[in-house]
């Protein structure tokens, strides 16, 4: 009896449907992201819907400061934090300029056992690639929609995504009950992947550090070590690299920049190449805004090339 009760109250419970035994989905955590901001009631409404499904849910926020309609940044923010959260966490991401159109509403289950509830509009580009696609299901709004919300077609974040995500997190439904299974693919935003070509590191600029204007790339430090044929990045301190930044093929920056341990490695106002908190390469000016000074932004059409001098 004790063993049965223990299994029943843990998140790794088994639910019996006829002769089929299925592992339950959620761990009781739902994480919200949107481009809504916090000036009105939209985020609070989504929280309320989630807690209306189960008041014991742990409701958290990733960010609600995604620039309006910026699907690419939504994709990046999800990918930047997803695997810091436990298995079976449910993420609800609502950056949805196509709300009310024929774009699909989906739930992605990754191979790491994380769940992402979102429109299939490119938001899943990076987590699908890095964490892998285990399965994709289209949300059946006839079943998974907030009661009495059928007349609304402009707030799927509240009426469909928050509701469905909360039901998954609270184990009110199984993943199989989200809706019909789709092919194991999602809509992708084209972007530069990190790689070595000859003697050049190539990558993209997925995001800017909004507080300081640092330019963050998707190039992992490990690739610079491989290119430079050294074992420790400390061997590269103060060494110059040729950095080229382009947008849609047009050169925006061509400059020699030294690799440094931290911002203090250069004088105030001078540039540096460094390793950011995600252990990717980044560009900065000591106590100044690199992105503003050199007119650099972020997105799928931005490319960086790094070569040893």
Protein backbone atom coordinates (compact mmCIF):
# COMPACT_ATOMS: atom_id res chain seq x y z
CA UNK A 1 0.00 0.00 0.00
CA UNK A 2 2.81 2.45 0.84
CA UNK A 3 4.49 1.80 -2.50
CA UNK A 4 1.22 2.41 -4.34
CA UNK A 5 0.63 5.74 -2.56
CA UNK A 6 4.18 6.90 -3.29
CA UNK A 7 3.79 6.18 -6.99
CA UNK A 8 0.42 7.90 -7.03
CA UNK A 9 1.62 11.24 -5.66
CA UNK A 10 4.86 11.59 -7.63
CA UNK A 11 4.99 13.21 -11.04
CA UNK A 12 6.24 9.98 -12.57
CA UNK A 13 2.86 8.30 -12.08
CA UNK A 14 1.34 5.89 -14.51
CA UNK A 15 -2.21 6.48 -15.72
CA UNK A 16 -4.27 3.55 -16.92
CA UNK A 17 -6.46 3.95 -19.98
CA UNK A 18 -8.01 0.57 -20.87
CA UNK A 19 -5.07 -1.72 -21.43
CA UNK A 20 -2.59 1.07 -22.22
CA UNK A 21 -0.30 2.46 -19.50
CA UNK A 22 1.06 5.94 -20.23
CA UNK A 23 3.59 7.99 -18.30
CA UNK A 24 2.04 11.21 -17.02
CA UNK A 25 3.25 14.46 -18.55
CA UNK A 26 3.73 17.39 -16.20
CA UNK A 27 5.86 18.10 -13.16
CA UNK A 28 3.54 20.86 -11.92
CA UNK A 29 5.61 23.72 -13.41
CA UNK A 30 4.43 26.00 -16.21
CA UNK A 31 6.71 28.78 -17.53
CA UNK A 32 5.26 31.70 -19.51
CA UNK A 33 6.87 33.88 -22.17
CA UNK A 34 5.26 36.57 -24.33
CA UNK A 35 5.64 39.94 -26.03
CA UNK A 36 2.77 41.37 -23.95
CA UNK A 37 4.77 43.44 -21.48
CA UNK A 38 3.43 44.06 -17.97
CA UNK A 39 1.47 47.29 -18.46
CA UNK A 40 -1.92 45.63 -18.69
CA UNK A 41 -3.77 42.54 -17.46
CA UNK A 42 -2.74 40.06 -20.19
CA UNK A 43 -0.04 38.20 -18.26
CA UNK A 44 -2.13 38.14 -15.10
CA UNK A 45 -5.00 36.65 -17.09
CA UNK A 46 -2.80 33.79 -18.31
CA UNK A 47 -1.59 33.15 -14.77
CA UNK A 48 -5.18 33.12 -13.58
CA UNK A 49 -6.22 30.60 -16.22
CA UNK A 50 -3.35 28.31 -15.23
CA UNK A 51 -4.19 28.49 -11.53
CA UNK A 52 -7.86 27.99 -12.38
CA UNK A 53 -6.88 24.64 -13.86
CA UNK A 54 -4.97 23.71 -10.71
CA UNK A 55 -4.21 26.13 -7.88
CA UNK A 56 -1.23 24.01 -6.85
CA UNK A 57 0.68 24.65 -10.08
CA UNK A 58 3.99 26.48 -9.85
CA UNK A 59 3.56 29.34 -12.32
CA UNK A 60 6.76 31.08 -13.43
CA UNK A 61 7.77 33.66 -16.05
CA UNK A 62 10.66 33.54 -18.49
CA UNK A 63 10.09 37.05 -19.90
CA UNK A 64 7.26 39.20 -21.19
CA UNK A 65 9.57 41.80 -22.72
CA UNK A 66 10.09 40.17 -26.12
CA UNK A 67 9.87 43.04 -28.65
CA UNK A 68 6.42 43.08 -30.27
CA UNK A 69 6.04 40.38 -32.95
CA UNK A 70 9.72 39.35 -32.68
CA UNK A 71 9.37 35.60 -33.16
CA UNK A 72 13.12 35.15 -33.53
CA UNK A 73 13.87 36.60 -30.10
CA UNK A 74 11.13 34.44 -28.61
CA UNK A 75 12.83 31.39 -30.14
CA UNK A 76 16.19 32.45 -28.71
CA UNK A 77 14.93 33.09 -25.17
CA UNK A 78 13.28 29.68 -24.99
CA UNK A 79 16.43 27.93 -26.16
CA UNK A 80 18.63 29.90 -23.75
CA UNK A 81 16.86 28.61 -20.64
CA UNK A 82 15.00 25.41 -21.49
CA UNK A 83 17.41 22.83 -20.16
CA UNK A 84 18.01 24.72 -16.92
CA UNK A 85 14.47 23.59 -16.02
CA UNK A 86 13.63 20.04 -14.87
CA UNK A 87 12.28 17.39 -17.20
CA UNK A 88 8.53 17.64 -17.87
CA UNK A 89 8.43 21.41 -17.41
CA UNK A 90 5.80 22.97 -19.69
CA UNK A 91 6.69 26.22 -21.47
CA UNK A 92 3.98 28.46 -22.89
CA UNK A 93 5.31 30.97 -25.43
CA UNK A 94 3.02 33.54 -27.01
CA UNK A 95 4.67 35.71 -29.66
CA UNK A 96 1.88 35.46 -32.15
CA UNK A 97 1.52 38.11 -34.87
CA UNK A 98 -0.58 35.59 -36.84
CA UNK A 99 -3.21 35.11 -34.13
CA UNK A 100 -6.56 34.30 -35.73
CA UNK A 101 -4.97 33.09 -38.97
CA UNK A 102 -4.53 29.52 -40.17
CA UNK A 103 -1.16 29.05 -38.42
CA UNK A 104 -1.17 25.89 -36.30
CA UNK A 105 -1.27 25.85 -32.51
CA UNK A 106 1.01 23.04 -31.35
CA UNK A 107 2.72 21.34 -28.46
CA UNK A 108 6.27 20.14 -29.06
CA UNK A 109 7.71 17.40 -26.88
CA UNK A 110 11.50 17.41 -27.10
CA UNK A 111 13.80 14.44 -26.64
CA UNK A 112 14.78 16.00 -23.28
CA UNK A 113 11.14 15.62 -22.12
CA UNK A 114 10.29 19.33 -22.12
CA UNK A 115 7.00 20.59 -23.54
CA UNK A 116 6.48 23.79 -25.55
CA UNK A 117 3.00 25.18 -26.16
CA UNK A 118 3.03 27.85 -28.87
CA UNK A 119 1.98 28.80 -32.36
CA UNK A 120 4.05 26.97 -34.98
CA UNK A 121 5.44 30.18 -36.47
CA UNK A 122 9.19 29.76 -36.00
CA UNK A 123 9.21 30.03 -32.21
CA UNK A 124 10.36 26.42 -31.97
CA UNK A 125 13.28 26.77 -34.42
CA UNK A 126 16.11 26.55 -31.89
CA UNK A 127 14.76 24.22 -29.19
CA UNK A 128 13.66 21.73 -31.81
CA UNK A 129 17.10 21.70 -33.40
CA UNK A 130 19.15 21.55 -30.19
CA UNK A 131 16.93 19.45 -27.91
CA UNK A 132 15.45 17.26 -30.65
CA UNK A 133 11.86 16.53 -31.63
CA UNK A 134 10.24 13.58 -29.88
CA UNK A 135 6.72 14.38 -31.08
CA UNK A 136 4.54 17.28 -32.24
CA UNK A 137 0.78 17.53 -31.74
CA UNK A 138 -1.71 20.10 -32.96
CA UNK A 139 -3.94 21.53 -30.24
CA UNK A 140 -7.56 20.47 -30.71
CA UNK A 141 -9.35 23.66 -29.69
CA UNK A 142 -12.69 21.88 -29.47
CA UNK A 143 -11.32 20.06 -26.42
CA UNK A 144 -8.43 22.19 -25.18
CA UNK A 145 -9.86 25.67 -24.91
CA UNK A 146 -10.98 27.76 -21.95
CA UNK A 147 -14.69 27.38 -21.39
CA UNK A 148 -16.90 30.12 -22.87
CA UNK A 149 -14.00 31.72 -24.81
CA UNK A 150 -15.14 30.58 -28.25
CA UNK A 151 -16.13 34.08 -29.38
CA UNK A 152 -12.60 35.42 -28.84
CA UNK A 153 -10.09 34.98 -31.67
CA UNK A 154 -7.34 37.39 -30.59
CA UNK A 155 -6.14 36.05 -27.22
CA UNK A 156 -5.12 32.46 -27.81
CA UNK A 157 -2.38 32.99 -25.22
CA UNK A 158 -5.05 32.96 -22.53
CA UNK A 159 -7.79 30.88 -24.11
CA UNK A 160 -5.77 28.08 -25.75
CA UNK A 161 -2.08 28.10 -24.81
CA UNK A 162 -2.25 28.91 -21.09
CA UNK A 163 -5.18 26.55 -20.66
CA UNK A 164 -3.60 23.66 -22.56
CA UNK A 165 -0.18 24.18 -20.97
CA UNK A 166 -1.66 24.23 -17.47
CA UNK A 167 -3.64 21.06 -18.13
CA UNK A 168 -0.47 19.28 -19.27
CA UNK A 169 1.57 20.57 -16.31
CA UNK A 170 -1.14 19.53 -13.84
CA UNK A 171 -1.64 16.12 -15.50
CA UNK A 172 -5.26 16.91 -16.27
CA UNK A 173 -4.61 15.58 -19.79
CA UNK A 174 -2.02 13.32 -21.34
CA UNK A 175 0.10 14.53 -24.22
CA UNK A 176 -1.83 12.22 -26.53
CA UNK A 177 -5.01 14.16 -25.67
CA UNK A 178 -3.63 17.50 -26.89
CA UNK A 179 -4.80 16.73 -30.40
CA UNK A 180 -3.74 14.93 -33.59
CA UNK A 181 -0.14 13.91 -34.11
CA UNK A 182 1.77 15.92 -36.70
CA UNK A 183 4.94 15.08 -38.67
CA UNK A 184 8.12 15.45 -36.60
CA UNK A 185 8.94 18.90 -37.90
CA UNK A 186 8.26 22.54 -37.06
CA UNK A 187 8.41 25.81 -38.99
CA UNK A 188 12.00 27.04 -39.03
CA UNK A 189 13.44 30.53 -39.29
CA UNK A 190 16.53 30.45 -41.50
CA UNK A 191 19.69 31.43 -39.62
CA UNK A 192 23.44 30.95 -39.55
CA UNK A 193 24.59 27.89 -37.64
CA UNK A 194 27.91 27.87 -35.79
CA UNK A 195 30.65 26.07 -37.70
CA UNK A 196 34.27 26.10 -38.90
CA UNK A 197 34.96 26.55 -42.59
CA UNK A 198 38.67 26.38 -43.39
CA UNK A 199 40.36 28.88 -41.09
CA UNK A 200 37.18 30.82 -40.32
CA UNK A 201 34.59 30.57 -37.55
CA UNK A 202 31.11 31.32 -38.86
CA UNK A 203 27.97 31.88 -36.84
CA UNK A 204 24.95 34.03 -36.27
CA UNK A 205 23.92 36.85 -33.97
CA UNK A 206 20.78 35.58 -32.28
CA UNK A 207 20.43 38.29 -29.64
CA UNK A 208 21.81 41.47 -28.13
CA UNK A 209 22.40 42.05 -24.44
CA UNK A 210 19.61 44.62 -23.98
CA UNK A 211 21.10 46.27 -20.89
CA UNK A 212 24.57 46.98 -22.28
CA UNK A 213 24.44 46.53 -26.06
CA UNK A 214 26.84 43.60 -26.14
CA UNK A 215 26.56 41.45 -29.27
CA UNK A 216 25.99 37.78 -28.47
CA UNK A 217 26.79 35.12 -31.04
CA UNK A 218 25.80 31.46 -31.24
CA UNK A 219 29.46 30.40 -31.62
CA UNK A 220 30.53 28.20 -28.68
CA UNK A 221 33.94 28.78 -27.12
CA UNK A 222 34.83 25.18 -27.94
CA UNK A 223 34.90 26.03 -31.65
CA UNK A 224 37.43 28.83 -31.09
CA UNK A 225 39.63 26.42 -29.15
CA UNK A 226 39.38 23.93 -32.00
CA UNK A 227 40.15 26.57 -34.62
CA UNK A 228 43.11 27.90 -32.64
CA UNK A 229 44.37 24.40 -31.73
CA UNK A 230 44.78 25.21 -28.03
CA UNK A 231 43.43 23.45 -24.94
CA UNK A 232 42.55 26.48 -22.80
CA UNK A 233 41.04 29.80 -23.76
CA UNK A 234 43.49 31.48 -21.36
CA UNK A 235 46.13 30.81 -24.04
CA UNK A 236 44.25 33.18 -26.34
CA UNK A 237 44.05 36.21 -24.03
CA UNK A 238 45.12 39.47 -25.77
CA UNK A 239 45.40 37.73 -29.16
CA UNK A 240 43.81 39.70 -32.04
CA UNK A 241 41.13 38.27 -34.31
CA UNK A 242 39.64 39.65 -37.50
CA UNK A 243 35.90 40.04 -36.97
CA UNK A 244 33.47 40.57 -39.85
CA UNK A 245 29.76 41.17 -39.28
CA UNK A 246 27.28 41.16 -42.17
CA UNK A 247 23.52 41.52 -42.56
CA UNK A 248 21.93 39.84 -45.56
CA UNK A 249 25.37 39.75 -47.20
CA UNK A 250 26.19 43.43 -46.61
CA UNK A 251 29.29 44.14 -44.48
CA UNK A 252 28.46 46.15 -41.36
CA UNK A 253 31.73 45.69 -39.45
CA UNK A 254 35.29 44.63 -40.31
CA UNK A 255 37.64 45.12 -37.40
CA UNK A 256 40.59 43.58 -35.52
CA UNK A 257 39.47 42.81 -31.96
CA UNK A 258 41.44 41.12 -29.16
CA UNK A 259 40.14 38.19 -27.16
CA UNK A 260 39.99 39.07 -23.46
CA UNK A 261 39.13 37.42 -20.15
CA UNK A 262 36.78 40.24 -19.14
CA UNK A 263 35.88 43.85 -19.91
CA UNK A 264 38.75 45.08 -17.75
CA UNK A 265 41.20 43.66 -20.31
CA UNK A 266 40.81 46.77 -22.46
CA UNK A 267 40.60 50.49 -21.84
CA UNK A 268 37.25 52.22 -21.46
CA UNK A 269 35.49 52.49 -24.82
CA UNK A 270 37.67 49.85 -26.53
CA UNK A 271 36.26 46.64 -28.08
CA UNK A 272 36.84 43.07 -26.96
CA UNK A 273 35.89 39.53 -27.92
CA UNK A 274 34.94 37.49 -24.84
CA UNK A 275 32.99 34.47 -23.55
CA UNK A 276 29.48 35.28 -22.30
CA UNK A 277 27.44 33.51 -19.61
CA UNK A 278 26.24 30.88 -22.11
CA UNK A 279 29.88 30.09 -23.00
CA UNK A 280 29.45 31.56 -26.46
CA UNK A 281 31.59 34.26 -28.06
CA UNK A 282 30.40 37.85 -27.74
CA UNK A 283 31.49 41.36 -28.65
CA UNK A 284 31.48 44.36 -26.32
CA UNK A 285 32.87 47.80 -25.67
CA UNK A 286 34.18 48.40 -22.18
CA UNK A 287 31.54 50.63 -20.55
CA UNK A 288 29.88 51.48 -23.85
CA UNK A 289 27.28 50.07 -26.27
CA UNK A 290 28.83 47.98 -29.07
CA UNK A 291 25.56 47.41 -30.94
CA UNK A 292 24.66 51.09 -31.04
CA UNK A 293 28.12 52.27 -32.03
CA UNK A 294 28.48 49.86 -34.94
CA UNK A 295 24.77 49.71 -35.92
CA UNK A 296 24.48 45.98 -35.28
CA UNK A 297 21.24 44.18 -34.54
CA UNK A 298 20.25 40.51 -34.23
CA UNK A 299 18.21 37.96 -36.16
CA UNK A 300 18.38 35.19 -38.71
CA UNK A 301 19.96 37.35 -41.42
CA UNK A 302 22.96 38.43 -39.32
CA UNK A 303 26.31 36.60 -39.72
CA UNK A 304 29.68 36.82 -37.98
CA UNK A 305 33.03 35.55 -39.23
CA UNK A 306 36.08 35.27 -36.95
CA UNK A 307 39.62 34.58 -38.14
CA UNK A 308 42.96 34.57 -36.37
CA UNK A 309 45.15 37.55 -37.29
